[in-house]
């Protein structure tokens, strides 16, 4: 039986991503995220997507003004010299890891619920 208070809790994914981001950064390593570009709300340069995924360097030294919110991560980054605004819903993050040694974690992809038309 699932405790109803547990079912009504918000996702723990933003907290896990932020914790791993801080841990990787505090160890002076480079945090990368693996993003499922097919999740609704992902805004990345599609020409850099391969097999439905894109790997992004989210180190503070590589991106402009990163905001890790409860629903998404947003930042600006250069791709081929062009500044792009990136939005990654937390549900689209499949992994966060350190580039240098692979330390990190895999996370389940979460697609937002589809609203039915009436």
PDB file of N, CA and C in Angstrom:
ATOM      1  N   UNK A   1       0.844  -1.183   0.000  1.00  0.00           N
ATOM      2  CA  UNK A   1       0.000   0.000   0.000  1.00  0.00           C
ATOM      3  C   UNK A   1       0.885   1.241   0.000  1.00  0.00           C
ATOM      4  N   UNK A   2       0.575   2.192  -0.866  1.00  0.00           N
ATOM      5  CA  UNK A   2       1.341   3.426  -0.955  1.00  0.00           C
ATOM      6  C   UNK A   2       0.751   4.447   0.008  1.00  0.00           C
ATOM      7  N   UNK A   3       1.604   5.023   0.807  1.00  0.00           N
ATOM      8  CA  UNK A   3       1.178   6.074   1.729  1.00  0.00           C
ATOM      9  C   UNK A   3       0.716   7.269   0.896  1.00  0.00           C
ATOM     10  N   UNK A   4      -0.499   7.764   1.143  1.00  0.00           N
ATOM     11  CA  UNK A   4      -1.031   8.857   0.331  1.00  0.00           C
ATOM     12  C   UNK A   4      -0.203  10.130   0.464  1.00  0.00           C
ATOM     13  N   UNK A   5       0.444  10.336   1.610  1.00  0.00           N
ATOM     14  CA  UNK A   5       1.288  11.528   1.758  1.00  0.00           C
ATOM     15  C   UNK A   5       2.524  11.423   0.873  1.00  0.00           C
ATOM     16  N   UNK A   6       3.016  10.198   0.623  1.00  0.00           N
ATOM     17  CA  UNK A   6       4.162   9.998  -0.257  1.00  0.00           C
ATOM     18  C   UNK A   6       3.761  10.274  -1.707  1.00  0.00           C
ATOM     19  N   UNK A   7       2.584   9.825  -2.084  1.00  0.00           N
ATOM     20  CA  UNK A   7       2.119  10.017  -3.458  1.00  0.00           C
ATOM     21  C   UNK A   7       1.923  11.489  -3.797  1.00  0.00           C
ATOM     22  N   UNK A   8       1.633  12.312  -2.799  1.00  0.00           N
ATOM     23  CA  UNK A   8       1.388  13.725  -3.061  1.00  0.00           C
ATOM     24  C   UNK A   8       2.654  14.581  -2.970  1.00  0.00           C
ATOM     25  N   UNK A   9       3.791  13.951  -2.674  1.00  0.00           N
ATOM     26  CA  UNK A   9       5.042  14.698  -2.582  1.00  0.00           C
ATOM     27  C   UNK A   9       5.539  15.088  -3.973  1.00  0.00           C
ATOM     28  N   UNK A  10       6.296  16.177  -4.039  1.00  0.00           N
ATOM     29  CA  UNK A  10       6.891  16.596  -5.301  1.00  0.00           C
ATOM     30  C   UNK A  10       8.054  15.662  -5.649  1.00  0.00           C
ATOM     31  N   UNK A  11       8.485  15.734  -6.885  1.00  0.00           N
ATOM     32  CA  UNK A  11       9.590  14.902  -7.356  1.00  0.00           C
ATOM     33  C   UNK A  11      10.872  15.223  -6.600  1.00  0.00           C
ATOM     34  N   UNK A  12      11.659  14.189  -6.312  1.00  0.00           N
ATOM     35  CA  UNK A  12      12.954  14.409  -5.658  1.00  0.00           C
ATOM     36  C   UNK A  12      14.065  14.662  -6.687  1.00  0.00           C
ATOM     37  N   UNK A  13      13.741  14.561  -7.959  1.00  0.00           N
ATOM     38  CA  UNK A  13      14.749  14.689  -9.022  1.00  0.00           C
ATOM     39  C   UNK A  13      15.487  16.028  -9.008  1.00  0.00           C
ATOM     40  N   UNK A  14      14.800  17.188  -8.857  1.00  0.00           N
ATOM     41  CA  UNK A  14      15.548  18.452  -8.832  1.00  0.00           C
ATOM     42  C   UNK A  14      16.557  18.507  -7.684  1.00  0.00           C
ATOM     43  N   UNK A  15      16.212  17.896  -6.566  1.00  0.00           N
ATOM     44  CA  UNK A  15      17.111  17.892  -5.405  1.00  0.00           C
ATOM     45  C   UNK A  15      18.321  16.997  -5.662  1.00  0.00           C
ATOM     46  N   UNK A  16      18.089  15.840  -6.299  1.00  0.00           N
ATOM     47  CA  UNK A  16      19.187  14.934  -6.610  1.00  0.00           C
ATOM     48  C   UNK A  16      20.136  15.560  -7.625  1.00  0.00           C
ATOM     49  N   UNK A  17      19.584  16.175  -8.667  1.00  0.00           N
ATOM     50  CA  UNK A  17      20.417  16.809  -9.696  1.00  0.00           C
ATOM     51  C   UNK A  17      21.257  17.926  -9.075  1.00  0.00           C
ATOM     52  N   UNK A  18      20.633  18.757  -8.256  1.00  0.00           N
ATOM     53  CA  UNK A  18      21.358  19.869  -7.606  1.00  0.00           C
ATOM     54  C   UNK A  18      22.440  19.337  -6.675  1.00  0.00           C
ATOM     55  N   UNK A  19      22.139  18.287  -5.918  1.00  0.00           N
ATOM     56  CA  UNK A  19      23.123  17.713  -4.996  1.00  0.00           C
ATOM     57  C   UNK A  19      24.329  17.148  -5.758  1.00  0.00           C
ATOM     58  N   UNK A  20      24.069  16.413  -6.838  1.00  0.00           N
ATOM     59  CA  UNK A  20      25.181  15.872  -7.621  1.00  0.00           C
ATOM     60  C   UNK A  20      25.953  16.988  -8.318  1.00  0.00           C
ATOM     61  N   UNK A  21      25.249  18.012  -8.799  1.00  0.00           N
ATOM     62  CA  UNK A  21      25.911  19.164  -9.417  1.00  0.00           C
ATOM     63  C   UNK A  21      26.871  19.815  -8.408  1.00  0.00           C
ATOM     64  N   UNK A  22      26.391  20.054  -7.195  1.00  0.00           N
ATOM     65  CA  UNK A  22      27.228  20.674  -6.162  1.00  0.00           C
ATOM     66  C   UNK A  22      28.405  19.780  -5.797  1.00  0.00           C
ATOM     67  N   UNK A  23      28.161  18.489  -5.635  1.00  0.00           N
ATOM     68  CA  UNK A  23      29.209  17.539  -5.259  1.00  0.00           C
ATOM     69  C   UNK A  23      30.300  17.468  -6.331  1.00  0.00           C
ATOM     70  N   UNK A  24      29.880  17.350  -7.592  1.00  0.00           N
ATOM     71  CA  UNK A  24      30.839  17.284  -8.693  1.00  0.00           C
ATOM     72  C   UNK A  24      31.635  18.589  -8.773  1.00  0.00           C
ATOM     73  N   UNK A  25      30.951  19.729  -8.699  1.00  0.00           N
ATOM     74  CA  UNK A  25      31.608  21.038  -8.777  1.00  0.00           C
ATOM     75  C   UNK A  25      32.546  21.267  -7.593  1.00  0.00           C
ATOM     76  N   UNK A  26      32.100  20.896  -6.391  1.00  0.00           N
ATOM     77  CA  UNK A  26      32.934  21.071  -5.196  1.00  0.00           C
ATOM     78  C   UNK A  26      34.216  20.257  -5.265  1.00  0.00           C
ATOM     79  N   UNK A  27      34.210  19.166  -6.037  1.00  0.00           N
ATOM     80  CA  UNK A  27      35.399  18.344  -6.224  1.00  0.00           C
ATOM     81  C   UNK A  27      36.208  18.791  -7.437  1.00  0.00           C
ATOM     82  N   UNK A  28      35.889  19.993  -7.936  1.00  0.00           N
ATOM     83  CA  UNK A  28      36.595  20.620  -9.052  1.00  0.00           C
ATOM     84  C   UNK A  28      36.589  19.761 -10.313  1.00  0.00           C
ATOM     85  N   UNK A  29      35.449  19.098 -10.532  1.00  0.00           N
ATOM     86  CA  UNK A  29      35.245  18.318 -11.741  1.00  0.00           C
ATOM     87  C   UNK A  29      34.157  18.989 -12.573  1.00  0.00           C
ATOM     88  N   UNK A  30      33.895  18.464 -13.760  1.00  0.00           N
ATOM     89  CA  UNK A  30      32.984  19.101 -14.707  1.00  0.00           C
ATOM     90  C   UNK A  30      31.660  18.343 -14.780  1.00  0.00           C
ATOM     91  N   UNK A  31      30.548  18.960 -14.315  1.00  0.00           N
ATOM     92  CA  UNK A  31      29.262  18.273 -14.374  1.00  0.00           C
ATOM     93  C   UNK A  31      28.652  18.279 -15.779  1.00  0.00           C
ATOM     94  N   UNK A  32      28.277  17.101 -16.240  1.00  0.00           N
ATOM     95  CA  UNK A  32      27.593  16.923 -17.521  1.00  0.00           C
ATOM     96  C   UNK A  32      26.232  16.305 -17.241  1.00  0.00           C
ATOM     97  N   UNK A  33      25.240  16.668 -18.046  1.00  0.00           N
ATOM     98  CA  UNK A  33      23.943  16.007 -17.971  1.00  0.00           C
ATOM     99  C   UNK A  33      23.629  15.371 -19.316  1.00  0.00           C
ATOM    100  N   UNK A  34      22.947  14.224 -19.260  1.00  0.00           N
ATOM    101  CA  UNK A  34      22.442  13.552 -20.450  1.00  0.00           C
ATOM    102  C   UNK A  34      20.959  13.890 -20.524  1.00  0.00           C
ATOM    103  N   UNK A  35      20.533  14.450 -21.646  1.00  0.00           N
ATOM    104  CA  UNK A  35      19.169  14.946 -21.793  1.00  0.00           C
ATOM    105  C   UNK A  35      18.447  14.177 -22.896  1.00  0.00           C
ATOM    106  N   UNK A  36      17.230  13.712 -22.587  1.00  0.00           N
ATOM    107  CA  UNK A  36      16.356  13.100 -23.584  1.00  0.00           C
ATOM    108  C   UNK A  36      15.640  14.244 -24.301  1.00  0.00           C
ATOM    109  N   UNK A  37      16.025  14.502 -25.536  1.00  0.00           N
ATOM    110  CA  UNK A  37      15.493  15.643 -26.289  1.00  0.00           C
ATOM    111  C   UNK A  37      14.044  15.439 -26.718  1.00  0.00           C
ATOM    112  N   UNK A  38      13.494  14.250 -26.508  1.00  0.00           N
ATOM    113  CA  UNK A  38      12.110  13.972 -26.895  1.00  0.00           C
ATOM    114  C   UNK A  38      11.097  14.342 -25.815  1.00  0.00           C
ATOM    115  N   UNK A  39      11.577  14.726 -24.636  1.00  0.00           N
ATOM    116  CA  UNK A  39      10.667  15.103 -23.556  1.00  0.00           C
ATOM    117  C   UNK A  39      10.118  16.495 -23.846  1.00  0.00           C
ATOM    118  N   UNK A  40       8.810  16.654 -23.654  1.00  0.00           N
ATOM    119  CA  UNK A  40       8.148  17.935 -23.910  1.00  0.00           C
ATOM    120  C   UNK A  40       8.803  19.043 -23.084  1.00  0.00           C
ATOM    121  N   UNK A  41       9.104  20.161 -23.729  1.00  0.00           N
ATOM    122  CA  UNK A  41       9.658  21.317 -23.045  1.00  0.00           C
ATOM    123  C   UNK A  41      11.168  21.468 -23.170  1.00  0.00           C
ATOM    124  N   UNK A  42      11.848  20.455 -23.723  1.00  0.00           N
ATOM    125  CA  UNK A  42      13.298  20.555 -23.909  1.00  0.00           C
ATOM    126  C   UNK A  42      13.576  21.566 -25.011  1.00  0.00           C
ATOM    127  N   UNK A  43      14.422  22.547 -24.715  1.00  0.00           N
ATOM    128  CA  UNK A  43      14.801  23.560 -25.690  1.00  0.00           C
ATOM    129  C   UNK A  43      16.320  23.552 -25.804  1.00  0.00           C
ATOM    130  N   UNK A  44      16.817  22.853 -26.839  1.00  0.00           N
ATOM    131  CA  UNK A  44      18.253  22.742 -27.117  1.00  0.00           C
ATOM    132  C   UNK A  44      18.437  22.858 -28.625  1.00  0.00           C
ATOM    133  N   UNK A  45      19.641  23.191 -29.083  1.00  0.00           N
ATOM    134  CA  UNK A  45      19.868  23.218 -30.532  1.00  0.00           C
ATOM    135  C   UNK A  45      19.791  21.792 -31.090  1.00  0.00           C
ATOM    136  N   UNK A  46      18.754  21.516 -31.857  1.00  0.00           N
ATOM    137  CA  UNK A  46      18.480  20.155 -32.322  1.00  0.00           C
ATOM    138  C   UNK A  46      19.575  19.588 -33.229  1.00  0.00           C
ATOM    139  N   UNK A  47      20.363  20.439 -33.854  1.00  0.00           N
ATOM    140  CA  UNK A  47      21.427  19.925 -34.724  1.00  0.00           C
ATOM    141  C   UNK A  47      22.534  19.235 -33.923  1.00  0.00           C
ATOM    142  N   UNK A  48      22.524  19.395 -32.591  1.00  0.00           N
ATOM    143  CA  UNK A  48      23.510  18.745 -31.736  1.00  0.00           C
ATOM    144  C   UNK A  48      22.948  17.503 -31.044  1.00  0.00           C
ATOM    145  N   UNK A  49      21.706  17.162 -31.350  1.00  0.00           N
ATOM    146  CA  UNK A  49      21.063  15.983 -30.768  1.00  0.00           C
ATOM    147  C   UNK A  49      21.409  14.765 -31.613  1.00  0.00           C
ATOM    148  N   UNK A  50      21.806  13.671 -30.947  1.00  0.00           N
ATOM    149  CA  UNK A  50      22.105  12.411 -31.633  1.00  0.00           C
ATOM    150  C   UNK A  50      21.350  11.289 -30.929  1.00  0.00           C
ATOM    151  N   UNK A  51      20.650  10.475 -31.705  1.00  0.00           N
ATOM    152  CA  UNK A  51      19.871   9.363 -31.154  1.00  0.00           C
ATOM    153  C   UNK A  51      18.911   9.820 -30.059  1.00  0.00           C
ATOM    154  N   UNK A  52      18.347  11.017 -30.241  1.00  0.00           N
ATOM    155  CA  UNK A  52      17.359  11.526 -29.296  1.00  0.00           C
ATOM    156  C   UNK A  52      17.930  12.090 -28.011  1.00  0.00           C
ATOM    157  N   UNK A  53      19.272  12.141 -27.924  1.00  0.00           N
ATOM    158  CA  UNK A  53      19.910  12.647 -26.707  1.00  0.00           C
ATOM    159  C   UNK A  53      20.924  13.731 -27.019  1.00  0.00           C
ATOM    160  N   UNK A  54      21.170  14.544 -26.005  1.00  0.00           N
ATOM    161  CA  UNK A  54      22.246  15.528 -26.072  1.00  0.00           C
ATOM    162  C   UNK A  54      22.934  15.533 -24.709  1.00  0.00           C
ATOM    163  N   UNK A  55      24.253  15.625 -24.742  1.00  0.00           N
ATOM    164  CA  UNK A  55      25.036  15.703 -23.508  1.00  0.00           C
ATOM    165  C   UNK A  55      25.504  17.144 -23.368  1.00  0.00           C
ATOM    166  N   UNK A  56      25.222  17.735 -22.197  1.00  0.00           N
ATOM    167  CA  UNK A  56      25.528  19.145 -21.981  1.00  0.00           C
ATOM    168  C   UNK A  56      26.475  19.336 -20.809  1.00  0.00           C
ATOM    169  N   UNK A  57      27.489  20.158 -21.020  1.00  0.00           N
ATOM    170  CA  UNK A  57      28.387  20.600 -19.953  1.00  0.00           C
ATOM    171  C   UNK A  57      27.655  21.715 -19.217  1.00  0.00           C
ATOM    172  N   UNK A  58      27.363  21.518 -17.928  1.00  0.00           N
ATOM    173  CA  UNK A  58      26.645  22.545 -17.171  1.00  0.00           C
ATOM    174  C   UNK A  58      27.524  23.177 -16.097  1.00  0.00           C
ATOM    175  N   UNK A  59      28.839  23.075 -16.265  1.00  0.00           N
ATOM    176  CA  UNK A  59      29.755  23.725 -15.319  1.00  0.00           C
ATOM    177  C   UNK A  59      29.528  25.233 -15.371  1.00  0.00           C
ATOM    178  N   UNK A  60      29.628  25.879 -14.221  1.00  0.00           N
ATOM    179  CA  UNK A  60      29.404  27.330 -14.175  1.00  0.00           C
ATOM    180  C   UNK A  60      30.370  28.078 -15.094  1.00  0.00           C
ATOM    181  N   UNK A  61      31.547  27.506 -15.344  1.00  0.00           N
ATOM    182  CA  UNK A  61      32.519  28.146 -16.233  1.00  0.00           C
ATOM    183  C   UNK A  61      32.150  27.996 -17.710  1.00  0.00           C
ATOM    184  N   UNK A  62      31.219  27.082 -18.023  1.00  0.00           N
ATOM    185  CA  UNK A  62      30.861  26.817 -19.420  1.00  0.00           C
ATOM    186  C   UNK A  62      29.534  27.431 -19.832  1.00  0.00           C
ATOM    187  N   UNK A  63      28.715  27.823 -18.856  1.00  0.00           N
ATOM    188  CA  UNK A  63      27.386  28.343 -19.172  1.00  0.00           C
ATOM    189  C   UNK A  63      27.208  29.721 -18.559  1.00  0.00           C
ATOM    190  N   UNK A  64      26.207  30.422 -19.076  1.00  0.00           N
ATOM    191  CA  UNK A  64      25.877  31.729 -18.527  1.00  0.00           C
ATOM    192  C   UNK A  64      24.673  31.627 -17.615  1.00  0.00           C
ATOM    193  N   UNK A  65      24.761  32.161 -16.439  1.00  0.00           N
ATOM    194  CA  UNK A  65      23.664  32.289 -15.477  1.00  0.00           C
ATOM    195  C   UNK A  65      22.767  31.056 -15.424  1.00  0.00           C
ATOM    196  N   UNK A  66      23.255  29.991 -14.824  1.00  0.00           N
ATOM    197  CA  UNK A  66      22.463  28.767 -14.696  1.00  0.00           C
ATOM    198  C   UNK A  66      21.455  28.915 -13.556  1.00  0.00           C
ATOM    199  N   UNK A  67      20.219  28.511 -13.828  1.00  0.00           N
ATOM    200  CA  UNK A  67      19.159  28.522 -12.826  1.00  0.00           C
ATOM    201  C   UNK A  67      18.624  27.099 -12.722  1.00  0.00           C
ATOM    202  N   UNK A  68      18.796  26.509 -11.538  1.00  0.00           N
ATOM    203  CA  UNK A  68      18.306  25.155 -11.304  1.00  0.00           C
ATOM    204  C   UNK A  68      17.015  25.260 -10.502  1.00  0.00           C
ATOM    205  N   UNK A  69      15.893  25.256 -11.213  1.00  0.00           N
ATOM    206  CA  UNK A  69      14.596  25.429 -10.576  1.00  0.00           C
ATOM    207  C   UNK A  69      13.928  24.110 -10.236  1.00  0.00           C
ATOM    208  N   UNK A  70      12.750  24.202  -9.670  1.00  0.00           N
ATOM    209  CA  UNK A  70      12.017  22.996  -9.276  1.00  0.00           C
ATOM    210  C   UNK A  70      11.450  22.249 -10.480  1.00  0.00           C
ATOM    211  N   UNK A  71      11.314  22.937 -11.628  1.00  0.00           N
ATOM    212  CA  UNK A  71      10.762  22.300 -12.823  1.00  0.00           C
ATOM    213  C   UNK A  71      11.789  22.068 -13.929  1.00  0.00           C
ATOM    214  N   UNK A  72      12.826  22.921 -13.975  1.00  0.00           N
ATOM    215  CA  UNK A  72      13.776  22.825 -15.079  1.00  0.00           C
ATOM    216  C   UNK A  72      15.100  23.489 -14.724  1.00  0.00           C
ATOM    217  N   UNK A  73      16.081  23.225 -15.585  1.00  0.00           N
ATOM    218  CA  UNK A  73      17.368  23.914 -15.537  1.00  0.00           C
ATOM    219  C   UNK A  73      17.398  24.823 -16.752  1.00  0.00           C
ATOM    220  N   UNK A  74      17.763  26.084 -16.534  1.00  0.00           N
ATOM    221  CA  UNK A  74      17.848  27.036 -17.643  1.00  0.00           C
ATOM    222  C   UNK A  74      19.195  27.736 -17.602  1.00  0.00           C
ATOM    223  N   UNK A  75      19.773  27.923 -18.781  1.00  0.00           N
ATOM    224  CA  UNK A  75      21.057  28.618 -18.887  1.00  0.00           C
ATOM    225  C   UNK A  75      21.293  28.999 -20.337  1.00  0.00           C
ATOM    226  N   UNK A  76      22.310  29.803 -20.556  1.00  0.00           N
ATOM    227  CA  UNK A  76      22.723  30.111 -21.922  1.00  0.00           C
ATOM    228  C   UNK A  76      24.079  29.461 -22.157  1.00  0.00           C
ATOM    229  N   UNK A  77      24.317  29.058 -23.392  1.00  0.00           N
ATOM    230  CA  UNK A  77      25.579  28.405 -23.757  1.00  0.00           C
ATOM    231  C   UNK A  77      25.842  28.639 -25.240  1.00  0.00           C
ATOM    232  N   UNK A  78      27.097  28.533 -25.599  1.00  0.00           N
ATOM    233  CA  UNK A  78      27.486  28.714 -27.001  1.00  0.00           C
ATOM    234  C   UNK A  78      27.595  27.359 -27.692  1.00  0.00           C
ATOM    235  N   UNK A  79      27.002  27.286 -28.867  1.00  0.00           N
ATOM    236  CA  UNK A  79      27.085  26.109 -29.720  1.00  0.00           C
ATOM    237  C   UNK A  79      27.561  26.587 -31.072  1.00  0.00           C
ATOM    238  N   UNK A  80      28.741  26.162 -31.481  1.00  0.00           N
ATOM    239  CA  UNK A  80      29.297  26.615 -32.745  1.00  0.00           C
ATOM    240  C   UNK A  80      29.438  28.125 -32.804  1.00  0.00           C
ATOM    241  N   UNK A  81      29.730  28.747 -31.659  1.00  0.00           N
ATOM    242  CA  UNK A  81      29.920  30.185 -31.592  1.00  0.00           C
ATOM    243  C   UNK A  81      28.641  30.989 -31.420  1.00  0.00           C
ATOM    244  N   UNK A  82      27.488  30.328 -31.517  1.00  0.00           N
ATOM    245  CA  UNK A  82      26.194  31.027 -31.405  1.00  0.00           C
ATOM    246  C   UNK A  82      25.631  30.842 -29.999  1.00  0.00           C
ATOM    247  N   UNK A  83      25.235  31.949 -29.370  1.00  0.00           N
ATOM    248  CA  UNK A  83      24.659  31.899 -28.032  1.00  0.00           C
ATOM    249  C   UNK A  83      23.230  31.361 -28.113  1.00  0.00           C
ATOM    250  N   UNK A  84      22.950  30.337 -27.320  1.00  0.00           N
ATOM    251  CA  UNK A  84      21.629  29.702 -27.299  1.00  0.00           C
ATOM    252  C   UNK A  84      21.073  29.729 -25.885  1.00  0.00           C
ATOM    253  N   UNK A  85      19.764  29.895 -25.767  1.00  0.00           N
ATOM    254  CA  UNK A  85      19.094  29.784 -24.473  1.00  0.00           C
ATOM    255  C   UNK A  85      18.616  28.339 -24.345  1.00  0.00           C
ATOM    256  N   UNK A  86      19.034  27.659 -23.282  1.00  0.00           N
ATOM    257  CA  UNK A  86      18.744  26.241 -23.084  1.00  0.00           C
ATOM    258  C   UNK A  86      17.743  26.071 -21.946  1.00  0.00           C
ATOM    259  N   UNK A  87      16.740  25.227 -22.163  1.00  0.00           N
ATOM    260  CA  UNK A  87      15.795  24.848 -21.116  1.00  0.00           C
ATOM    261  C   UNK A  87      15.707  23.331 -21.090  1.00  0.00           C
ATOM    262  N   UNK A  88      15.954  22.760 -19.912  1.00  0.00           N
ATOM    263  CA  UNK A  88      15.886  21.314 -19.746  1.00  0.00           C
ATOM    264  C   UNK A  88      14.944  21.002 -18.582  1.00  0.00           C
ATOM    265  N   UNK A  89      13.734  20.512 -18.883  1.00  0.00           N
ATOM    266  CA  UNK A  89      12.861  20.084 -17.790  1.00  0.00           C
ATOM    267  C   UNK A  89      13.563  18.981 -16.990  1.00  0.00           C
ATOM    268  N   UNK A  90      13.396  18.985 -15.677  1.00  0.00           N
ATOM    269  CA  UNK A  90      14.068  17.985 -14.852  1.00  0.00           C
ATOM    270  C   UNK A  90      13.747  16.562 -15.285  1.00  0.00           C
ATOM    271  N   UNK A  91      12.531  16.346 -15.788  1.00  0.00           N
ATOM    272  CA  UNK A  91      12.145  15.011 -16.233  1.00  0.00           C
ATOM    273  C   UNK A  91      12.961  14.495 -17.400  1.00  0.00           C
ATOM    274  N   UNK A  92      13.587  15.400 -18.153  1.00  0.00           N
ATOM    275  CA  UNK A  92      14.364  15.013 -19.337  1.00  0.00           C
ATOM    276  C   UNK A  92      15.802  14.618 -18.999  1.00  0.00           C
ATOM    277  N   UNK A  93      16.224  14.815 -17.749  1.00  0.00           N
ATOM    278  CA  UNK A  93      17.606  14.501 -17.362  1.00  0.00           C
ATOM    279  C   UNK A  93      17.712  13.013 -17.053  1.00  0.00           C
ATOM    280  N   UNK A  94      18.511  12.316 -17.861  1.00  0.00           N
ATOM    281  CA  UNK A  94      18.691  10.871 -17.696  1.00  0.00           C
ATOM    282  C   UNK A  94      19.909  10.513 -16.879  1.00  0.00           C
ATOM    283  N   UNK A  95      20.825  11.460 -16.707  1.00  0.00           N
ATOM    284  CA  UNK A  95      22.025  11.208 -15.908  1.00  0.00           C
ATOM    285  C   UNK A  95      22.718  12.531 -15.632  1.00  0.00           C
ATOM    286  N   UNK A  96      23.458  12.553 -14.528  1.00  0.00           N
ATOM    287  CA  UNK A  96      24.383  13.643 -14.235  1.00  0.00           C
ATOM    288  C   UNK A  96      25.669  12.984 -13.757  1.00  0.00           C
ATOM    289  N   UNK A  97      26.794  13.424 -14.324  1.00  0.00           N
ATOM    290  CA  UNK A  97      28.061  12.764 -13.991  1.00  0.00           C
ATOM    291  C   UNK A  97      29.227  13.724 -14.194  1.00  0.00           C
ATOM    292  N   UNK A  98      30.366  13.351 -13.603  1.00  0.00           N
ATOM    293  CA  UNK A  98      31.598  14.117 -13.779  1.00  0.00           C
ATOM    294  C   UNK A  98      32.288  13.655 -15.056  1.00  0.00           C
ATOM    295  N   UNK A  99      32.608  14.588 -15.925  1.00  0.00           N
ATOM    296  CA  UNK A  99      33.270  14.265 -17.193  1.00  0.00           C
ATOM    297  C   UNK A  99      34.568  13.502 -16.969  1.00  0.00           C
ATOM    298  N   UNK A 100      35.325  13.909 -15.954  1.00  0.00           N
ATOM    299  CA  UNK A 100      36.669  13.384 -15.764  1.00  0.00           C
ATOM    300  C   UNK A 100      36.722  11.926 -15.314  1.00  0.00           C
ATOM    301  N   UNK A 101      35.734  11.482 -14.515  1.00  0.00           N
ATOM    302  CA  UNK A 101      35.816  10.118 -13.990  1.00  0.00           C
ATOM    303  C   UNK A 101      34.503   9.341 -14.041  1.00  0.00           C
ATOM    304  N   UNK A 102      33.431   9.957 -14.550  1.00  0.00           N
ATOM    305  CA  UNK A 102      32.157   9.264 -14.681  1.00  0.00           C
ATOM    306  C   UNK A 102      31.337   9.153 -13.404  1.00  0.00           C
ATOM    307  N   UNK A 103      31.838   9.699 -12.285  1.00  0.00           N
ATOM    308  CA  UNK A 103      31.093   9.624 -11.027  1.00  0.00           C
ATOM    309  C   UNK A 103      29.798  10.413 -11.148  1.00  0.00           C
ATOM    310  N   UNK A 104      28.708   9.816 -10.725  1.00  0.00           N
ATOM    311  CA  UNK A 104      27.415  10.476 -10.812  1.00  0.00           C
ATOM    312  C   UNK A 104      26.302   9.472 -10.657  1.00  0.00           C
ATOM    313  N   UNK A 105      25.194   9.723 -11.313  1.00  0.00           N
ATOM    314  CA  UNK A 105      24.051   8.822 -11.197  1.00  0.00           C
ATOM    315  C   UNK A 105      23.178   8.878 -12.440  1.00  0.00           C
ATOM    316  N   UNK A 106      22.490   7.777 -12.698  1.00  0.00           N
ATOM    317  CA  UNK A 106      21.459   7.726 -13.732  1.00  0.00           C
ATOM    318  C   UNK A 106      20.132   8.064 -13.079  1.00  0.00           C
ATOM    319  N   UNK A 107      19.245   8.637 -13.862  1.00  0.00           N
ATOM    320  CA  UNK A 107      17.931   9.038 -13.355  1.00  0.00           C
ATOM    321  C   UNK A 107      16.866   8.606 -14.359  1.00  0.00           C
ATOM    322  N   UNK A 108      15.656   8.293 -13.862  1.00  0.00           N
ATOM    323  CA  UNK A 108      14.600   7.900 -14.799  1.00  0.00           C
ATOM    324  C   UNK A 108      14.091   9.098 -15.597  1.00  0.00           C
ATOM    325  N   UNK A 109      13.817   8.875 -16.867  1.00  0.00           N
ATOM    326  CA  UNK A 109      13.199   9.913 -17.697  1.00  0.00           C
ATOM    327  C   UNK A 109      11.727   9.994 -17.304  1.00  0.00           C
ATOM    328  N   UNK A 110      11.247  11.210 -17.106  1.00  0.00           N
ATOM    329  CA  UNK A 110       9.854  11.423 -16.712  1.00  0.00           C
ATOM    330  C   UNK A 110       9.194  12.332 -17.739  1.00  0.00           C
ATOM    331  N   UNK A 111       8.232  11.782 -18.458  1.00  0.00           N
ATOM    332  CA  UNK A 111       7.475  12.599 -19.410  1.00  0.00           C
ATOM    333  C   UNK A 111       6.322  13.261 -18.667  1.00  0.00           C
ATOM    334  N   UNK A 112       6.054  14.536 -18.948  1.00  0.00           N
ATOM    335  CA  UNK A 112       4.922  15.193 -18.275  1.00  0.00           C
ATOM    336  C   UNK A 112       3.618  14.524 -18.691  1.00  0.00           C
ATOM    337  N   UNK A 113       2.613  14.551 -17.811  1.00  0.00           N
ATOM    338  CA  UNK A 113       1.324  13.945 -18.185  1.00  0.00           C
ATOM    339  C   UNK A 113       0.723  14.692 -19.370  1.00  0.00           C
ATOM    340  N   UNK A 114       0.133  13.950 -20.259  1.00  0.00           N
ATOM    341  CA  UNK A 114      -0.489  14.530 -21.449  1.00  0.00           C
ATOM    342  C   UNK A 114      -1.902  14.947 -21.078  1.00  0.00           C
ATOM    343  N   UNK A 115      -2.211  16.212 -21.368  1.00  0.00           N
ATOM    344  CA  UNK A 115      -3.567  16.698 -21.105  1.00  0.00           C
ATOM    345  C   UNK A 115      -4.481  16.244 -22.226  1.00  0.00           C
ATOM    346  N   UNK A 116      -5.565  15.611 -21.840  1.00  0.00           N
ATOM    347  CA  UNK A 116      -6.515  15.126 -22.830  1.00  0.00           C
ATOM    348  C   UNK A 116      -7.414  16.249 -23.301  1.00  0.00           C
ATOM    349  N   UNK A 117      -7.681  16.269 -24.603  1.00  0.00           N
ATOM    350  CA  UNK A 117      -8.586  17.285 -25.155  1.00  0.00           C
ATOM    351  C   UNK A 117     -10.017  16.833 -24.975  1.00  0.00           C
ATOM    352  N   UNK A 118     -10.892  17.748 -24.649  1.00  0.00           N
ATOM    353  CA  UNK A 118     -12.310  17.420 -24.448  1.00  0.00           C
ATOM    354  C   UNK A 118     -13.149  18.007 -25.541  1.00  0.00           C
TER     355      UNK A 118
END
